[in-house]
Amino acid sequence: QVQLVESGGGLVQAGGSLRLSCVVSGIPLSPYTMDWYRQAPGKQREAVASIRGGGRTIYADSMKGRFTISRDNGKNTVYLQMNSLKPEDMGVYYCKMFEVWGQGTQVTVSS
């Protein structure tokens, strides 16, 4: 059974940074695609970034240059480094593998 557990969220001032982690259990991370999504209050869940098994990365336009997705297959963990955070980045961040979702981690950005 695949399980995903996110961590690393919190409160940060605008312009600050956070690094989110997503630990995968039940299956080796390699060579599967992992995704990060986020959901702001009152809005639909949106894709943030994706990393393929071979390491290719894809970002939503508003995150390019600020967010970096990476993976450590040895630790079965995917990361999302978020820099230059803005109030509009606030929300619950989820990782996803196949159709399995984690429980999410809250990111709050104060202006």
PDB file of N, CA and C in Angstrom:
ATOM      1  N   GLN A   1       0.843  -1.188   0.000  1.00  0.00           N
ATOM      2  CA  GLN A   1       0.000   0.000   0.000  1.00  0.00           C
ATOM      3  C   GLN A   1       0.881   1.242   0.000  1.00  0.00           C
ATOM      4  N   VAL A   2       0.666   2.092  -0.983  1.00  0.00           N
ATOM      5  CA  VAL A   2       1.456   3.317  -1.099  1.00  0.00           C
ATOM      6  C   VAL A   2       0.926   4.363  -0.132  1.00  0.00           C
ATOM      7  N   GLN A   3       1.842   4.969   0.611  1.00  0.00           N
ATOM      8  CA  GLN A   3       1.464   6.067   1.506  1.00  0.00           C
ATOM      9  C   GLN A   3       2.435   7.218   1.312  1.00  0.00           C
ATOM     10  N   LEU A   4       1.906   8.422   1.394  1.00  0.00           N
ATOM     11  CA  LEU A   4       2.704   9.635   1.229  1.00  0.00           C
ATOM     12  C   LEU A   4       2.514  10.505   2.457  1.00  0.00           C
ATOM     13  N   VAL A   5       3.612  11.013   2.996  1.00  0.00           N
ATOM     14  CA  VAL A   5       3.531  11.879   4.164  1.00  0.00           C
ATOM     15  C   VAL A   5       4.342  13.139   3.903  1.00  0.00           C
ATOM     16  N   GLU A   6       3.637  14.274   3.874  1.00  0.00           N
ATOM     17  CA  GLU A   6       4.299  15.559   3.662  1.00  0.00           C
ATOM     18  C   GLU A   6       4.682  16.193   4.997  1.00  0.00           C
ATOM     19  N   SER A   7       5.692  17.040   4.946  1.00  0.00           N
ATOM     20  CA  SER A   7       6.098  17.822   6.103  1.00  0.00           C
ATOM     21  C   SER A   7       6.852  19.051   5.606  1.00  0.00           C
ATOM     22  N   GLY A   8       7.107  19.973   6.527  1.00  0.00           N
ATOM     23  CA  GLY A   8       7.912  21.134   6.194  1.00  0.00           C
ATOM     24  C   GLY A   8       7.155  22.430   6.029  1.00  0.00           C
ATOM     25  N   GLY A   9       5.847  22.359   6.073  1.00  0.00           N
ATOM     26  CA  GLY A   9       5.066  23.584   5.963  1.00  0.00           C
ATOM     27  C   GLY A   9       5.199  24.434   7.222  1.00  0.00           C
ATOM     28  N   GLY A  10       4.672  25.639   7.149  1.00  0.00           N
ATOM     29  CA  GLY A  10       4.723  26.526   8.296  1.00  0.00           C
ATOM     30  C   GLY A  10       4.408  27.949   7.908  1.00  0.00           C
ATOM     31  N   LEU A  11       4.727  28.852   8.820  1.00  0.00           N
ATOM     32  CA  LEU A  11       4.488  30.276   8.622  1.00  0.00           C
ATOM     33  C   LEU A  11       5.803  30.949   8.236  1.00  0.00           C
ATOM     34  N   VAL A  12       5.774  31.729   7.175  1.00  0.00           N
ATOM     35  CA  VAL A  12       6.971  32.423   6.707  1.00  0.00           C
ATOM     36  C   VAL A  12       6.575  33.802   6.194  1.00  0.00           C
ATOM     37  N   GLN A  13       7.479  34.739   6.312  1.00  0.00           N
ATOM     38  CA  GLN A  13       7.219  36.077   5.773  1.00  0.00           C
ATOM     39  C   GLN A  13       7.398  36.077   4.261  1.00  0.00           C
ATOM     40  N   ALA A  14       6.717  36.983   3.607  1.00  0.00           N
ATOM     41  CA  ALA A  14       6.883  37.140   2.164  1.00  0.00           C
ATOM     42  C   ALA A  14       8.357  37.356   1.847  1.00  0.00           C
ATOM     43  N   GLY A  15       8.814  36.674   0.799  1.00  0.00           N
ATOM     44  CA  GLY A  15      10.218  36.716   0.440  1.00  0.00           C
ATOM     45  C   GLY A  15      11.047  35.610   1.057  1.00  0.00           C
ATOM     46  N   GLY A  16      10.463  34.903   2.004  1.00  0.00           N
ATOM     47  CA  GLY A  16      11.168  33.833   2.683  1.00  0.00           C
ATOM     48  C   GLY A  16      11.130  32.518   1.920  1.00  0.00           C
ATOM     49  N   SER A  17      11.653  31.477   2.564  1.00  0.00           N
ATOM     50  CA  SER A  17      11.784  30.164   1.927  1.00  0.00           C
ATOM     51  C   SER A  17      11.287  29.063   2.849  1.00  0.00           C
ATOM     52  N   LEU A  18      10.846  27.999   2.224  1.00  0.00           N
ATOM     53  CA  LEU A  18      10.487  26.765   2.929  1.00  0.00           C
ATOM     54  C   LEU A  18      10.896  25.588   2.052  1.00  0.00           C
ATOM     55  N   ARG A  19      11.196  24.469   2.695  1.00  0.00           N
ATOM     56  CA  ARG A  19      11.422  23.234   1.947  1.00  0.00           C
ATOM     57  C   ARG A  19      10.447  22.171   2.438  1.00  0.00           C
ATOM     58  N   LEU A  20       9.632  21.720   1.538  1.00  0.00           N
ATOM     59  CA  LEU A  20       8.670  20.664   1.838  1.00  0.00           C
ATOM     60  C   LEU A  20       9.276  19.308   1.494  1.00  0.00           C
ATOM     61  N   SER A  21       8.880  18.310   2.268  1.00  0.00           N
ATOM     62  CA  SER A  21       9.316  16.937   2.012  1.00  0.00           C
ATOM     63  C   SER A  21       8.106  16.042   1.870  1.00  0.00           C
ATOM     64  N   CYS A  22       8.252  15.012   1.076  1.00  0.00           N
ATOM     65  CA  CYS A  22       7.209  14.009   0.912  1.00  0.00           C
ATOM     66  C   CYS A  22       7.882  12.643   0.960  1.00  0.00           C
ATOM     67  N   VAL A  23       7.628  11.914   2.025  1.00  0.00           N
ATOM     68  CA  VAL A  23       8.211  10.584   2.185  1.00  0.00           C
ATOM     69  C   VAL A  23       7.236   9.547   1.649  1.00  0.00           C
ATOM     70  N   VAL A  24       7.737   8.691   0.789  1.00  0.00           N
ATOM     71  CA  VAL A  24       6.936   7.641   0.169  1.00  0.00           C
ATOM     72  C   VAL A  24       7.222   6.315   0.854  1.00  0.00           C
ATOM     73  N   SER A  25       6.178   5.588   1.195  1.00  0.00           N
ATOM     74  CA  SER A  25       6.355   4.246   1.750  1.00  0.00           C
ATOM     75  C   SER A  25       5.482   3.268   0.991  1.00  0.00           C
ATOM     76  N   GLY A  26       5.889   2.015   1.001  1.00  0.00           N
ATOM     77  CA  GLY A  26       5.107   0.973   0.357  1.00  0.00           C
ATOM     78  C   GLY A  26       5.560   0.626  -1.039  1.00  0.00           C
ATOM     79  N   ILE A  27       6.437   1.458  -1.613  1.00  0.00           N
ATOM     80  CA  ILE A  27       6.920   1.228  -2.978  1.00  0.00           C
ATOM     81  C   ILE A  27       8.201   2.032  -3.169  1.00  0.00           C
ATOM     82  N   PRO A  28       9.158   1.511  -3.897  1.00  0.00           N
ATOM     83  CA  PRO A  28      10.353   2.323  -4.185  1.00  0.00           C
ATOM     84  C   PRO A  28       9.989   3.527  -5.029  1.00  0.00           C
ATOM     85  N   LEU A  29      10.579   4.653  -4.701  1.00  0.00           N
ATOM     86  CA  LEU A  29      10.261   5.885  -5.404  1.00  0.00           C
ATOM     87  C   LEU A  29      10.652   5.815  -6.880  1.00  0.00           C
ATOM     88  N   SER A  30      11.839   5.296  -7.116  1.00  0.00           N
ATOM     89  CA  SER A  30      12.299   5.169  -8.490  1.00  0.00           C
ATOM     90  C   SER A  30      11.548   4.036  -9.184  1.00  0.00           C
ATOM     91  N   PRO A  31      11.104   4.182 -10.390  1.00  0.00           N
ATOM     92  CA  PRO A  31      11.311   5.246 -11.356  1.00  0.00           C
ATOM     93  C   PRO A  31      10.064   6.066 -11.640  1.00  0.00           C
ATOM     94  N   TYR A  32       9.277   6.277 -10.603  1.00  0.00           N
ATOM     95  CA  TYR A  32       7.958   6.856 -10.810  1.00  0.00           C
ATOM     96  C   TYR A  32       7.934   8.383 -10.762  1.00  0.00           C
ATOM     97  N   THR A  33       6.938   8.928 -11.425  1.00  0.00           N
ATOM     98  CA  THR A  33       6.709  10.368 -11.412  1.00  0.00           C
ATOM     99  C   THR A  33       6.055  10.785 -10.102  1.00  0.00           C
ATOM    100  N   MET A  34       6.523  11.907  -9.583  1.00  0.00           N
ATOM    101  CA  MET A  34       5.945  12.480  -8.374  1.00  0.00           C
ATOM    102  C   MET A  34       5.506  13.913  -8.675  1.00  0.00           C
ATOM    103  N   ASP A  35       4.403  14.293  -8.084  1.00  0.00           N
ATOM    104  CA  ASP A  35       3.833  15.623  -8.314  1.00  0.00           C
ATOM    105  C   ASP A  35       3.605  16.344  -6.989  1.00  0.00           C
ATOM    106  N   TRP A  36       3.730  17.653  -7.058  1.00  0.00           N
ATOM    107  CA  TRP A  36       3.280  18.532  -5.971  1.00  0.00           C
ATOM    108  C   TRP A  36       2.109  19.362  -6.484  1.00  0.00           C
ATOM    109  N   TYR A  37       1.084  19.470  -5.640  1.00  0.00           N
ATOM    110  CA  TYR A  37      -0.073  20.306  -5.906  1.00  0.00           C
ATOM    111  C   TYR A  37      -0.267  21.230  -4.719  1.00  0.00           C
ATOM    112  N   ARG A  38      -1.087  22.230  -4.916  1.00  0.00           N
ATOM    113  CA  ARG A  38      -1.477  23.079  -3.791  1.00  0.00           C
ATOM    114  C   ARG A  38      -2.930  23.493  -3.955  1.00  0.00           C
ATOM    115  N   GLN A  39      -3.530  23.814  -2.814  1.00  0.00           N
ATOM    116  CA  GLN A  39      -4.908  24.297  -2.819  1.00  0.00           C
ATOM    117  C   GLN A  39      -5.026  25.468  -1.866  1.00  0.00           C
ATOM    118  N   ALA A  40      -5.370  26.620  -2.430  1.00  0.00           N
ATOM    119  CA  ALA A  40      -5.598  27.819  -1.640  1.00  0.00           C
ATOM    120  C   ALA A  40      -7.048  27.826  -1.177  1.00  0.00           C
ATOM    121  N   PRO A  41      -7.338  28.544  -0.088  1.00  0.00           N
ATOM    122  CA  PRO A  41      -8.717  28.602   0.400  1.00  0.00           C
ATOM    123  C   PRO A  41      -9.681  29.088  -0.669  1.00  0.00           C
ATOM    124  N   GLY A  42     -10.743  28.333  -0.872  1.00  0.00           N
ATOM    125  CA  GLY A  42     -11.755  28.731  -1.834  1.00  0.00           C
ATOM    126  C   GLY A  42     -11.390  28.516  -3.287  1.00  0.00           C
ATOM    127  N   LYS A  43     -10.254  27.880  -3.534  1.00  0.00           N
ATOM    128  CA  LYS A  43      -9.813  27.666  -4.911  1.00  0.00           C
ATOM    129  C   LYS A  43      -9.633  26.179  -5.191  1.00  0.00           C
ATOM    130  N   GLN A  44      -9.574  25.873  -6.471  1.00  0.00           N
ATOM    131  CA  GLN A  44      -9.339  24.480  -6.866  1.00  0.00           C
ATOM    132  C   GLN A  44      -7.879  24.100  -6.655  1.00  0.00           C
ATOM    133  N   ARG A  45      -7.653  22.815  -6.470  1.00  0.00           N
ATOM    134  CA  ARG A  45      -6.290  22.316  -6.354  1.00  0.00           C
ATOM    135  C   ARG A  45      -5.583  22.512  -7.695  1.00  0.00           C
ATOM    136  N   GLU A  46      -4.333  22.979  -7.645  1.00  0.00           N
ATOM    137  CA  GLU A  46      -3.598  23.236  -8.873  1.00  0.00           C
ATOM    138  C   GLU A  46      -2.235  22.561  -8.826  1.00  0.00           C
ATOM    139  N   ALA A  47      -1.748  22.214 -10.000  1.00  0.00           N
ATOM    140  CA  ALA A  47      -0.428  21.589 -10.098  1.00  0.00           C
ATOM    141  C   ALA A  47       0.664  22.625  -9.852  1.00  0.00           C
ATOM    142  N   VAL A  48       1.678  22.207  -9.135  1.00  0.00           N
ATOM    143  CA  VAL A  48       2.813  23.082  -8.824  1.00  0.00           C
ATOM    144  C   VAL A  48       4.044  22.635  -9.611  1.00  0.00           C
ATOM    145  N   ALA A  49       4.409  21.367  -9.459  1.00  0.00           N
ATOM    146  CA  ALA A  49       5.624  20.861 -10.094  1.00  0.00           C
ATOM    147  C   ALA A  49       5.543  19.345 -10.175  1.00  0.00           C
ATOM    148  N   SER A  50       6.344  18.813 -11.101  1.00  0.00           N
ATOM    149  CA  SER A  50       6.377  17.378 -11.315  1.00  0.00           C
ATOM    150  C   SER A  50       7.810  16.962 -11.608  1.00  0.00           C
ATOM    151  N   ILE A  51       8.170  15.767 -11.157  1.00  0.00           N
ATOM    152  CA  ILE A  51       9.497  15.242 -11.461  1.00  0.00           C
ATOM    153  C   ILE A  51       9.348  13.797 -11.927  1.00  0.00           C
ATOM    154  N   ARG A  52       9.905  13.529 -13.107  1.00  0.00           N
ATOM    155  CA  ARG A  52       9.821  12.184 -13.677  1.00  0.00           C
ATOM    156  C   ARG A  52      10.885  11.278 -13.059  1.00  0.00           C
ATOM    157  N   GLY A  53      10.758   9.998 -13.353  1.00  0.00           N
ATOM    158  CA  GLY A  53      11.711   9.045 -12.812  1.00  0.00           C
ATOM    159  C   GLY A  53      13.136   9.320 -13.244  1.00  0.00           C
ATOM    160  N   GLY A  54      13.285   9.824 -14.461  1.00  0.00           N
ATOM    161  CA  GLY A  54      14.611  10.143 -14.980  1.00  0.00           C
ATOM    162  C   GLY A  54      15.139  11.490 -14.533  1.00  0.00           C
ATOM    163  N   GLY A  55      14.317  12.238 -13.785  1.00  0.00           N
ATOM    164  CA  GLY A  55      14.751  13.520 -13.246  1.00  0.00           C
ATOM    165  C   GLY A  55      14.220  14.740 -13.970  1.00  0.00           C
ATOM    166  N   ARG A  56      13.545  14.533 -15.086  1.00  0.00           N
ATOM    167  CA  ARG A  56      12.994  15.697 -15.801  1.00  0.00           C
ATOM    168  C   ARG A  56      11.956  16.382 -14.923  1.00  0.00           C
ATOM    169  N   THR A  57      12.000  17.704 -14.905  1.00  0.00           N
ATOM    170  CA  THR A  57      11.091  18.485 -14.069  1.00  0.00           C
ATOM    171  C   THR A  57      10.196  19.384 -14.905  1.00  0.00           C
ATOM    172  N   ILE A  58       9.015  19.622 -14.396  1.00  0.00           N
ATOM    173  CA  ILE A  58       8.030  20.501 -15.032  1.00  0.00           C
ATOM    174  C   ILE A  58       7.450  21.388 -13.947  1.00  0.00           C
ATOM    175  N   TYR A  59       7.279  22.669 -14.265  1.00  0.00           N
ATOM    176  CA  TYR A  59       6.760  23.624 -13.295  1.00  0.00           C
ATOM    177  C   TYR A  59       5.588  24.404 -13.884  1.00  0.00           C
ATOM    178  N   ALA A  60       4.680  24.774 -12.996  1.00  0.00           N
ATOM    179  CA  ALA A  60       3.671  25.739 -13.398  1.00  0.00           C
ATOM    180  C   ALA A  60       4.365  27.080 -13.627  1.00  0.00           C
ATOM    181  N   ASP A  61       3.825  27.868 -14.516  1.00  0.00           N
ATOM    182  CA  ASP A  61       4.489  29.121 -14.919  1.00  0.00           C
ATOM    183  C   ASP A  61       4.777  30.033 -13.734  1.00  0.00           C
ATOM    184  N   SER A  62       3.848  30.137 -12.810  1.00  0.00           N
ATOM    185  CA  SER A  62       4.016  31.086 -11.709  1.00  0.00           C
ATOM    186  C   SER A  62       5.080  30.638 -10.702  1.00  0.00           C
ATOM    187  N   MET A  63       5.541  29.392 -10.792  1.00  0.00           N
ATOM    188  CA  MET A  63       6.543  28.864  -9.868  1.00  0.00           C
ATOM    189  C   MET A  63       7.936  28.808 -10.481  1.00  0.00           C
ATOM    190  N   LYS A  64       8.017  28.962 -11.801  1.00  0.00           N
ATOM    191  CA  LYS A  64       9.319  28.850 -12.458  1.00  0.00           C
ATOM    192  C   LYS A  64      10.296  29.887 -11.918  1.00  0.00           C
ATOM    193  N   GLY A  65      11.492  29.416 -11.598  1.00  0.00           N
ATOM    194  CA  GLY A  65      12.519  30.307 -11.086  1.00  0.00           C
ATOM    195  C   GLY A  65      12.475  30.522  -9.587  1.00  0.00           C
ATOM    196  N   ARG A  66      11.368  30.100  -8.949  1.00  0.00           N
ATOM    197  CA  ARG A  66      11.243  30.266  -7.497  1.00  0.00           C
ATOM    198  C   ARG A  66      11.202  28.924  -6.776  1.00  0.00           C
ATOM    199  N   PHE A  67      10.587  27.939  -7.395  1.00  0.00           N
ATOM    200  CA  PHE A  67      10.425  26.620  -6.779  1.00  0.00           C
ATOM    201  C   PHE A  67      11.325  25.615  -7.483  1.00  0.00           C
ATOM    202  N   THR A  68      11.822  24.651  -6.706  1.00  0.00           N
ATOM    203  CA  THR A  68      12.629  23.573  -7.264  1.00  0.00           C
ATOM    204  C   THR A  68      12.164  22.240  -6.687  1.00  0.00           C
ATOM    205  N   ILE A  69      11.803  21.336  -7.562  1.00  0.00           N
ATOM    206  CA  ILE A  69      11.430  19.990  -7.139  1.00  0.00           C
ATOM    207  C   ILE A  69      12.635  19.080  -7.332  1.00  0.00           C
ATOM    208  N   SER A  70      12.843  18.188  -6.379  1.00  0.00           N
ATOM    209  CA  SER A  70      13.962  17.248  -6.468  1.00  0.00           C
ATOM    210  C   SER A  70      13.559  15.946  -5.792  1.00  0.00           C
ATOM    211  N   ARG A  71      14.378  14.938  -5.995  1.00  0.00           N
ATOM    212  CA  ARG A  71      14.065  13.636  -5.416  1.00  0.00           C
ATOM    213  C   ARG A  71      15.341  12.971  -4.917  1.00  0.00           C
ATOM    214  N   ASP A  72      15.193  12.208  -3.853  1.00  0.00           N
ATOM    215  CA  ASP A  72      16.279  11.379  -3.334  1.00  0.00           C
ATOM    216  C   ASP A  72      15.731   9.958  -3.283  1.00  0.00           C
ATOM    217  N   ASN A  73      16.047   9.194  -4.313  1.00  0.00           N
ATOM    218  CA  ASN A  73      15.492   7.846  -4.387  1.00  0.00           C
ATOM    219  C   ASN A  73      15.973   6.965  -3.234  1.00  0.00           C
ATOM    220  N   GLY A  74      17.181   7.233  -2.757  1.00  0.00           N
ATOM    221  CA  GLY A  74      17.696   6.444  -1.639  1.00  0.00           C
ATOM    222  C   GLY A  74      16.904   6.654  -0.359  1.00  0.00           C
ATOM    223  N   LYS A  75      16.354   7.855  -0.217  1.00  0.00           N
ATOM    224  CA  LYS A  75      15.542   8.166   0.956  1.00  0.00           C
ATOM    225  C   LYS A  75      14.050   8.058   0.667  1.00  0.00           C
ATOM    226  N   ASN A  76      13.729   7.674  -0.578  1.00  0.00           N
ATOM    227  CA  ASN A  76      12.310   7.578  -0.964  1.00  0.00           C
ATOM    228  C   ASN A  76      11.558   8.869  -0.663  1.00  0.00           C
ATOM    229  N   THR A  77      12.200   9.970  -0.961  1.00  0.00           N
ATOM    230  CA  THR A  77      11.657  11.279  -0.592  1.00  0.00           C
ATOM    231  C   THR A  77      11.742  12.242  -1.763  1.00  0.00           C
ATOM    232  N   VAL A  78      10.702  13.038  -1.899  1.00  0.00           N
ATOM    233  CA  VAL A  78      10.656  14.120  -2.880  1.00  0.00           C
ATOM    234  C   VAL A  78      10.579  15.435  -2.110  1.00  0.00           C
ATOM    235  N   TYR A  79      11.259  16.439  -2.645  1.00  0.00           N
ATOM    236  CA  TYR A  79      11.332  17.743  -1.984  1.00  0.00           C
ATOM    237  C   TYR A  79      10.755  18.829  -2.886  1.00  0.00           C
ATOM    238  N   LEU A  80      10.298  19.892  -2.254  1.00  0.00           N
ATOM    239  CA  LEU A  80       9.914  21.092  -2.967  1.00  0.00           C
ATOM    240  C   LEU A  80      10.539  22.274  -2.231  1.00  0.00           C
ATOM    241  N   GLN A  81      11.590  22.833  -2.832  1.00  0.00           N
ATOM    242  CA  GLN A  81      12.226  24.023  -2.281  1.00  0.00           C
ATOM    243  C   GLN A  81      11.493  25.247  -2.820  1.00  0.00           C
ATOM    244  N   MET A  82      10.992  26.065  -1.918  1.00  0.00           N
ATOM    245  CA  MET A  82      10.214  27.226  -2.315  1.00  0.00           C
ATOM    246  C   MET A  82      10.920  28.485  -1.828  1.00  0.00           C
ATOM    247  N   ASN A  83      11.327  29.324  -2.754  1.00  0.00           N
ATOM    248  CA  ASN A  83      12.008  30.580  -2.439  1.00  0.00           C
ATOM    249  C   ASN A  83      11.159  31.761  -2.879  1.00  0.00           C
ATOM    250  N   SER A  84      11.503  32.928  -2.368  1.00  0.00           N
ATOM    251  CA  SER A  84      10.791  34.163  -2.734  1.00  0.00           C
ATOM    252  C   SER A  84       9.279  33.980  -2.613  1.00  0.00           C
ATOM    253  N   LEU A  85       8.861  33.444  -1.493  1.00  0.00           N
ATOM    254  CA  LEU A  85       7.439  33.139  -1.311  1.00  0.00           C
ATOM    255  C   LEU A  85       6.597  34.409  -1.292  1.00  0.00           C
ATOM    256  N   LYS A  86       5.400  34.288  -1.845  1.00  0.00           N
ATOM    257  CA  LYS A  86       4.458  35.390  -1.929  1.00  0.00           C
ATOM    258  C   LYS A  86       3.184  35.011  -1.173  1.00  0.00           C
ATOM    259  N   PRO A  87       2.395  35.980  -0.756  1.00  0.00           N
ATOM    260  CA  PRO A  87       1.125  35.649  -0.082  1.00  0.00           C
ATOM    261  C   PRO A  87       0.238  34.737  -0.934  1.00  0.00           C
ATOM    262  N   GLU A  88       0.298  34.887  -2.239  1.00  0.00           N
ATOM    263  CA  GLU A  88      -0.537  34.042  -3.101  1.00  0.00           C
ATOM    264  C   GLU A  88      -0.049  32.599  -3.188  1.00  0.00           C
ATOM    265  N   ASP A  89       1.116  32.303  -2.600  1.00  0.00           N
ATOM    266  CA  ASP A  89       1.593  30.919  -2.545  1.00  0.00           C
ATOM    267  C   ASP A  89       0.975  30.154  -1.372  1.00  0.00           C
ATOM    268  N   MET A  90       0.241  30.852  -0.540  1.00  0.00           N
ATOM    269  CA  MET A  90      -0.335  30.245   0.648  1.00  0.00           C
ATOM    270  C   MET A  90      -1.363  29.192   0.277  1.00  0.00           C
ATOM    271  N   GLY A  91      -1.363  28.094   1.057  1.00  0.00           N
ATOM    272  CA  GLY A  91      -2.324  27.035   0.830  1.00  0.00           C
ATOM    273  C   GLY A  91      -1.831  25.737   1.432  1.00  0.00           C
ATOM    274  N   VAL A  92      -2.567  24.681   1.154  1.00  0.00           N
ATOM    275  CA  VAL A  92      -2.164  23.347   1.577  1.00  0.00           C
ATOM    276  C   VAL A  92      -1.454  22.686   0.396  1.00  0.00           C
ATOM    277  N   TYR A  93      -0.267  22.188   0.647  1.00  0.00           N
ATOM    278  CA  TYR A  93       0.538  21.561  -0.389  1.00  0.00           C
ATOM    279  C   TYR A  93       0.471  20.044  -0.228  1.00  0.00           C
ATOM    280  N   TYR A  94       0.217  19.386  -1.348  1.00  0.00           N
ATOM    281  CA  TYR A  94       0.064  17.940  -1.365  1.00  0.00           C
ATOM    282  C   TYR A  94       1.067  17.308  -2.334  1.00  0.00           C
ATOM    283  N   CYS A  95       1.564  16.141  -1.992  1.00  0.00           N
ATOM    284  CA  CYS A  95       2.291  15.369  -2.985  1.00  0.00           C
ATOM    285  C   CYS A  95       1.390  14.244  -3.480  1.00  0.00           C
ATOM    286  N   LYS A  96       1.695  13.782  -4.662  1.00  0.00           N
ATOM    287  CA  LYS A  96       0.852  12.788  -5.329  1.00  0.00           C
ATOM    288  C   LYS A  96       1.713  11.803  -6.099  1.00  0.00           C
ATOM    289  N   MET A  97       1.346  10.536  -5.987  1.00  0.00           N
ATOM    290  CA  MET A  97       2.005   9.469  -6.737  1.00  0.00           C
ATOM    291  C   MET A  97       0.917   8.539  -7.246  1.00  0.00           C
ATOM    292  N   PHE A  98       0.892   8.281  -8.542  1.00  0.00           N
ATOM    293  CA  PHE A  98      -0.230   7.573  -9.173  1.00  0.00           C
ATOM    294  C   PHE A  98      -1.502   8.346  -8.818  1.00  0.00           C
ATOM    295  N   GLU A  99      -2.468   7.731  -8.189  1.00  0.00           N
ATOM    296  CA  GLU A  99      -3.676   8.436  -7.746  1.00  0.00           C
ATOM    297  C   GLU A  99      -3.734   8.515  -6.223  1.00  0.00           C
ATOM    298  N   VAL A 100      -2.569   8.389  -5.601  1.00  0.00           N
ATOM    299  CA  VAL A 100      -2.486   8.447  -4.147  1.00  0.00           C
ATOM    300  C   VAL A 100      -2.010   9.834  -3.713  1.00  0.00           C
ATOM    301  N   TRP A 101      -2.695  10.399  -2.738  1.00  0.00           N
ATOM    302  CA  TRP A 101      -2.381  11.732  -2.217  1.00  0.00           C
ATOM    303  C   TRP A 101      -1.915  11.631  -0.776  1.00  0.00           C
ATOM    304  N   GLY A 102      -1.023  12.551  -0.409  1.00  0.00           N
ATOM    305  CA  GLY A 102      -0.695  12.709   0.986  1.00  0.00           C
ATOM    306  C   GLY A 102      -1.778  13.516   1.696  1.00  0.00           C
ATOM    307  N   GLN A 103      -1.559  13.758   2.987  1.00  0.00           N
ATOM    308  CA  GLN A 103      -2.564  14.478   3.783  1.00  0.00           C
ATOM    309  C   GLN A 103      -2.409  15.981   3.658  1.00  0.00           C
ATOM    310  N   GLY A 104      -1.280  16.422   3.125  1.00  0.00           N
ATOM    311  CA  GLY A 104      -1.055  17.844   2.907  1.00  0.00           C
ATOM    312  C   GLY A 104      -0.298  18.499   4.053  1.00  0.00           C
ATOM    313  N   THR A 105       0.357  19.606   3.729  1.00  0.00           N
ATOM    314  CA  THR A 105       1.053  20.413   4.723  1.00  0.00           C
ATOM    315  C   THR A 105       0.745  21.874   4.444  1.00  0.00           C
ATOM    316  N   GLN A 106       0.421  22.613   5.485  1.00  0.00           N
ATOM    317  CA  GLN A 106      -0.042  23.997   5.351  1.00  0.00           C
ATOM    318  C   GLN A 106       1.135  24.954   5.192  1.00  0.00           C
ATOM    319  N   VAL A 107       1.037  25.819   4.218  1.00  0.00           N
ATOM    320  CA  VAL A 107       2.015  26.893   4.021  1.00  0.00           C
ATOM    321  C   VAL A 107       1.283  28.220   4.177  1.00  0.00           C
ATOM    322  N   THR A 108       1.771  29.045   5.078  1.00  0.00           N
ATOM    323  CA  THR A 108       1.185  30.358   5.316  1.00  0.00           C
ATOM    324  C   THR A 108       2.250  31.413   5.085  1.00  0.00           C
ATOM    325  N   VAL A 109       1.938  32.391   4.256  1.00  0.00           N
ATOM    326  CA  VAL A 109       2.888  33.451   3.926  1.00  0.00           C
ATOM    327  C   VAL A 109       2.298  34.782   4.378  1.00  0.00           C
ATOM    328  N   SER A 110       2.980  35.446   5.268  1.00  0.00           N
ATOM    329  CA  SER A 110       2.499  36.738   5.769  1.00  0.00           C
ATOM    330  C   SER A 110       3.114  37.870   4.952  1.00  0.00           C
ATOM    331  N   SER A 111       2.301  38.880   4.717  1.00  0.00           N
ATOM    332  CA  SER A 111       2.779  40.013   3.904  1.00  0.00           C
ATOM    333  C   SER A 111       3.377  41.095   4.786  1.00  0.00           C
TER     334      SER A 111
END
